[in-house]
Amino acid sequence: MSVDVTIVDHPIAHDSLSLIRDASTPTDIFRHQVDRVGLVLMAEATRHLPTEATKVRTPLADAPARRLEGVPVLVPILRAGLGLVGAAQQLLPGADVGFVGVARDETTHTPVAYVDKLADDLSGRPVIVLDPMLATGGSLMYVIDLLRSHGSDLPLTVVCLLAAPEGIERIDREADVDVRIVTAAVDDHLNDQAFIVPGLGDAGDRLFGRPG
């Protein structure tokens, strides 16, 4: 199995990333910029979706056309993954959306699952996982294994705002399926608290505020 990493080199992605990294950016602007860069990332993530030939009638004549041959299942990893759902649905309005909730134990940095809302059988269906921060790779590996247990048998696409080398290496080492990671940047390293450096902080808190 292999991992392919695509770093999206696009002016809009760079501009949005500068704002979402900035500690002074307020929640409303942060959320808007995640949606903005999410559109760019999703455009790249869907580049290789299969299409089928068809024909449409313009106001003047018949014209050859191509339409998506089915649509992927979107799987945001809660809660930060919700920040990318809007952009994904703008490009794939007919897509089904599954939800997986995985929290991180702040002591052990291991994933703790609390939601699993996936179709029983995902065989033959392309899946795009929305995981804004690929840090240790623990949450993503949990979700990959969960998708496999639901019959997912195609290469997976993962959309991230940022990724850490340690997380990419773990997915490459442990995943039993081909994975394509589409991200705006691969950062330098993880710190002792398993946060991406330079990163952008806690994506869930910056999107939705601190609960409680």
Foldseek 3Di string as FASTA:
>chain_A
DAEAEAADDDPLLVVLLVQLQDPPRAQVSNLVSLLRNLLVLLCVLCVPADWDWDWDQDPVGIDIDIDGPDDAEEEEAPDLLVSNVVSNCVVVVPHHYWYWYWDADQVVRATDTDDGGDDQACAPHAYEYEDAEQFQLRVVVVVLVVVVNSHHDAEHEYEYQEYEPNSNVVCRVDHPHYYYYYYNYYAYHADPSRAGVVHRPDSVCSNPNDDD
